[in-house]
Amino acid sequence: MSTDPITLFSEWLVEAEASEPNDPNAVALATANAEGQPAVRMVLLKGHDATGFIFYTNQQSRKADDLTADPKAALLFHWKSLRRQVRVEGSVSVVDDATADAYFASRSRVSQLAAWASDQSRPLPDHGTLSARLQEVTRRFEDMDVPRPPHWSGYRVSPTSIEFWRDGAHRLHERRLFTREGDRWSEGLLYP
């Protein structure tokens, strides 16, 4: 088995991509606001490397507000078909513009337009309002590339710890905990 947690995560993600029926890159993102009120929601992992785990969102959303108030987060990947999960904890930063622009350009045109049309996490009077806004931005960007909205970017969770959990018979699960110490990782086991 790998002793580098990022390599091990990559291996597990490849296995999940082969076995999970939907969104093997789905991850629960936990944040807390300035008052310490926690919130959790599902997002999609859109990249990972030695510097961290990246997801994208509207920077005026509740999750973005939470990350501005307290730039730390936890992630939980759960791959039921493999009976595995990975927990990540760390600090959060906004990705650079070039990274956000490149990912935004790779999205479908409708997803790009939806990023302009949606006031994510704010009250919506009715679905017709969203449809009308989508039609308006579709007209605005007709016959041109859709630029990344100024309020839309990516976030990188730079891990300080990564735990790999594998189901075991009789609840004797395997738990491997990697903890970052400077630029190096240390590894230990946890009781199930």
Protein backbone atom coordinates (compact mmCIF):
# COMPACT_ATOMS: atom_id res chain seq x y z
CA MET A 1 0.00 0.00 0.00
CA SER A 2 1.07 3.55 -0.66
CA THR A 3 2.56 5.56 2.18
CA ASP A 4 1.75 8.85 0.42
CA PRO A 5 -1.86 9.84 1.18
CA ILE A 6 -2.36 11.75 -2.07
CA THR A 7 -1.21 8.75 -4.12
CA LEU A 8 -3.40 6.45 -2.05
CA PHE A 9 -6.38 8.78 -2.50
CA SER A 10 -5.79 8.81 -6.27
CA GLU A 11 -5.76 5.00 -6.32
CA TRP A 12 -8.98 4.80 -4.30
CA LEU A 13 -10.67 7.43 -6.52
CA VAL A 14 -9.81 5.43 -9.66
CA GLU A 15 -11.37 2.35 -8.06
CA ALA A 16 -14.46 4.37 -7.11
CA GLU A 17 -14.77 5.67 -10.67
CA ALA A 18 -14.95 2.05 -11.82
CA SER A 19 -17.50 0.92 -9.22
CA GLU A 20 -19.70 3.81 -8.07
CA PRO A 21 -22.89 4.20 -10.14
CA ASN A 22 -23.08 8.01 -9.78
CA ASP A 23 -20.64 10.82 -9.05
CA PRO A 24 -17.65 9.01 -7.53
CA ASN A 25 -16.18 12.49 -7.02
CA ALA A 26 -19.09 13.58 -4.78
CA VAL A 27 -17.88 14.75 -1.41
CA ALA A 28 -19.56 16.10 1.72
CA LEU A 29 -18.13 19.53 2.57
CA ALA A 30 -18.41 20.69 6.17
CA THR A 31 -17.90 24.33 7.14
CA ALA A 32 -18.77 26.60 10.07
CA ASN A 33 -19.90 30.21 10.07
CA ALA A 34 -18.53 33.02 12.26
CA GLU A 35 -20.77 31.89 15.16
CA GLY A 36 -19.50 28.33 14.88
CA GLN A 37 -22.76 26.99 13.37
CA PRO A 38 -21.78 23.97 11.25
CA ALA A 39 -23.21 23.20 7.82
CA VAL A 40 -22.60 20.29 5.48
CA ARG A 41 -23.50 19.81 1.83
CA MET A 42 -22.44 17.74 -1.16
CA VAL A 43 -20.08 19.21 -3.76
CA LEU A 44 -18.06 17.67 -6.57
CA LEU A 45 -14.31 17.29 -6.36
CA LYS A 46 -12.87 18.82 -9.53
CA GLY A 47 -9.17 18.32 -8.90
CA HIS A 48 -6.61 17.14 -6.40
CA ASP A 49 -2.85 17.05 -6.06
CA ALA A 50 -0.19 17.49 -3.39
CA THR A 51 -1.49 21.01 -2.69
CA GLY A 52 -5.05 19.96 -1.94
CA PHE A 53 -8.58 19.11 -3.02
CA ILE A 54 -10.47 21.57 -5.27
CA PHE A 55 -14.18 22.31 -5.68
CA TYR A 56 -15.94 25.28 -7.32
CA THR A 57 -18.86 27.46 -6.25
CA ASN A 58 -20.51 30.85 -6.23
CA GLN A 59 -18.50 33.07 -3.88
CA GLN A 60 -21.74 34.64 -2.62
CA SER A 61 -23.10 31.27 -1.42
CA ARG A 62 -23.45 30.23 2.19
CA LYS A 63 -20.47 27.88 1.93
CA ALA A 64 -18.31 30.73 0.61
CA ASP A 65 -19.51 33.00 3.42
CA ASP A 66 -18.60 30.29 5.92
CA LEU A 67 -15.14 29.87 4.39
CA THR A 68 -14.53 33.62 4.51
CA ALA A 69 -15.45 33.67 8.22
CA ASP A 70 -13.53 30.49 9.08
CA PRO A 71 -11.18 29.27 6.32
CA LYS A 72 -11.10 25.65 7.45
CA ALA A 73 -13.16 22.72 6.19
CA ALA A 74 -13.63 18.98 6.36
CA LEU A 75 -14.38 16.70 3.43
CA LEU A 76 -15.88 13.20 3.50
CA PHE A 77 -15.83 10.86 0.53
CA HIS A 78 -18.05 7.79 0.99
CA TRP A 79 -17.87 5.01 -1.58
CA LYS A 80 -20.59 2.60 -0.52
CA SER A 81 -19.88 0.02 -3.24
CA LEU A 82 -16.27 -0.24 -2.05
CA ARG A 83 -17.16 0.02 1.66
CA ARG A 84 -14.59 2.80 2.05
CA GLN A 85 -14.44 6.40 3.07
CA VAL A 86 -11.82 9.14 3.21
CA ARG A 87 -11.90 12.07 5.63
CA VAL A 88 -9.87 15.23 4.91
CA GLU A 89 -9.39 18.22 7.22
CA GLY A 90 -7.48 21.37 6.45
CA SER A 91 -7.25 25.04 5.67
CA VAL A 92 -9.01 26.55 2.68
CA SER A 93 -7.92 29.13 0.12
CA VAL A 94 -9.35 30.49 -3.12
CA VAL A 95 -7.66 29.14 -6.26
CA ASP A 96 -5.88 31.58 -8.58
CA ASP A 97 -7.79 33.17 -11.47
CA ALA A 98 -6.02 31.10 -14.14
CA THR A 99 -7.08 27.84 -12.44
CA ALA A 100 -10.68 29.05 -12.03
CA ASP A 101 -10.82 30.34 -15.62
CA ALA A 102 -9.50 27.06 -17.03
CA TYR A 103 -12.04 24.97 -15.12
CA PHE A 104 -14.92 27.33 -15.95
CA ALA A 105 -14.05 27.11 -19.67
CA SER A 106 -14.28 23.29 -19.45
CA ARG A 107 -17.89 23.36 -18.17
CA SER A 108 -20.87 22.91 -20.44
CA ARG A 109 -22.30 26.13 -21.85
CA VAL A 110 -25.56 25.69 -19.90
CA SER A 111 -23.58 25.25 -16.65
CA GLN A 112 -21.61 28.40 -17.47
CA LEU A 113 -24.82 30.34 -18.08
CA ALA A 114 -26.37 28.95 -14.90
CA ALA A 115 -23.44 30.36 -12.89
CA TRP A 116 -24.51 33.82 -14.10
CA ALA A 117 -28.26 33.22 -13.62
CA SER A 118 -28.23 31.81 -10.09
CA ASP A 119 -28.01 33.80 -6.86
CA GLN A 120 -26.92 30.60 -5.12
CA SER A 121 -28.24 30.07 -1.58
CA ARG A 122 -30.54 33.12 -1.71
CA PRO A 123 -34.35 32.89 -1.61
CA LEU A 124 -35.98 32.14 -4.99
CA PRO A 125 -39.58 33.38 -5.39
CA ASP A 126 -40.45 30.69 -7.97
CA HIS A 127 -38.74 28.49 -10.55
CA GLY A 128 -40.00 30.77 -13.34
CA THR A 129 -37.73 33.53 -12.05
CA LEU A 130 -34.67 31.33 -12.48
CA SER A 131 -35.82 30.27 -15.96
CA ALA A 132 -36.29 33.91 -16.98
CA ARG A 133 -32.82 34.81 -15.68
CA LEU A 134 -31.30 31.90 -17.59
CA GLN A 135 -33.02 33.10 -20.78
CA GLU A 136 -31.71 36.63 -20.20
CA VAL A 137 -28.08 35.56 -19.75
CA THR A 138 -28.41 33.21 -22.73
CA ARG A 139 -29.35 36.23 -24.86
CA ARG A 140 -26.61 38.39 -23.31
CA PHE A 141 -23.85 35.89 -24.19
CA GLU A 142 -25.30 34.74 -27.52
CA ASP A 143 -22.61 34.13 -30.15
CA MET A 144 -19.76 34.59 -27.69
CA ASP A 145 -17.79 32.64 -25.10
CA VAL A 146 -19.27 32.85 -21.61
CA PRO A 147 -16.75 34.50 -19.28
CA ARG A 148 -16.34 33.33 -15.70
CA PRO A 149 -18.50 35.47 -13.41
CA PRO A 150 -16.50 37.61 -10.97
CA HIS A 151 -18.39 35.95 -8.09
CA TRP A 152 -17.51 32.37 -9.08
CA SER A 153 -14.28 30.54 -8.29
CA GLY A 154 -12.69 27.48 -6.81
CA TYR A 155 -11.54 26.59 -3.32
CA ARG A 156 -8.62 24.39 -2.36
CA VAL A 157 -8.71 22.41 0.89
CA SER A 158 -5.04 21.99 1.85
CA PRO A 159 -5.03 18.92 4.06
CA THR A 160 -3.51 18.77 7.51
CA SER A 161 -4.92 15.26 8.02
CA ILE A 162 -6.34 12.52 5.80
CA GLU A 163 -7.96 9.38 7.20
CA PHE A 164 -8.60 6.28 5.09
CA TRP A 165 -11.33 3.99 6.44
CA ARG A 166 -11.95 0.49 5.09
CA ASP A 167 -14.80 -1.71 6.31
CA GLY A 168 -13.79 -4.76 8.30
CA ALA A 169 -15.66 -7.85 9.43
CA HIS A 170 -17.29 -7.62 12.87
CA ARG A 171 -16.69 -3.84 12.88
CA LEU A 172 -12.93 -4.35 13.03
CA HIS A 173 -12.41 -1.59 10.48
CA GLU A 174 -9.04 -0.44 9.19
CA ARG A 175 -8.34 3.23 9.89
CA ARG A 176 -5.12 4.81 8.59
CA LEU A 177 -4.48 8.42 9.64
CA PHE A 178 -1.96 10.59 7.81
CA THR A 179 -0.98 13.85 9.52
CA ARG A 180 1.01 16.59 7.81
CA GLU A 181 4.08 17.80 9.67
CA GLY A 182 5.55 20.63 7.60
CA ASP A 183 6.14 19.18 4.15
CA ARG A 184 6.06 15.56 5.32
CA TRP A 185 3.33 13.12 6.23
CA SER A 186 3.36 10.86 9.26
CA GLU A 187 1.15 7.80 9.41
CA GLY A 188 -0.56 5.93 12.19
CA LEU A 189 -3.49 3.63 12.83
CA LEU A 190 -6.68 4.36 14.78
CA TYR A 191 -8.85 1.93 16.70
CA PRO A 192 -12.13 1.28 14.86
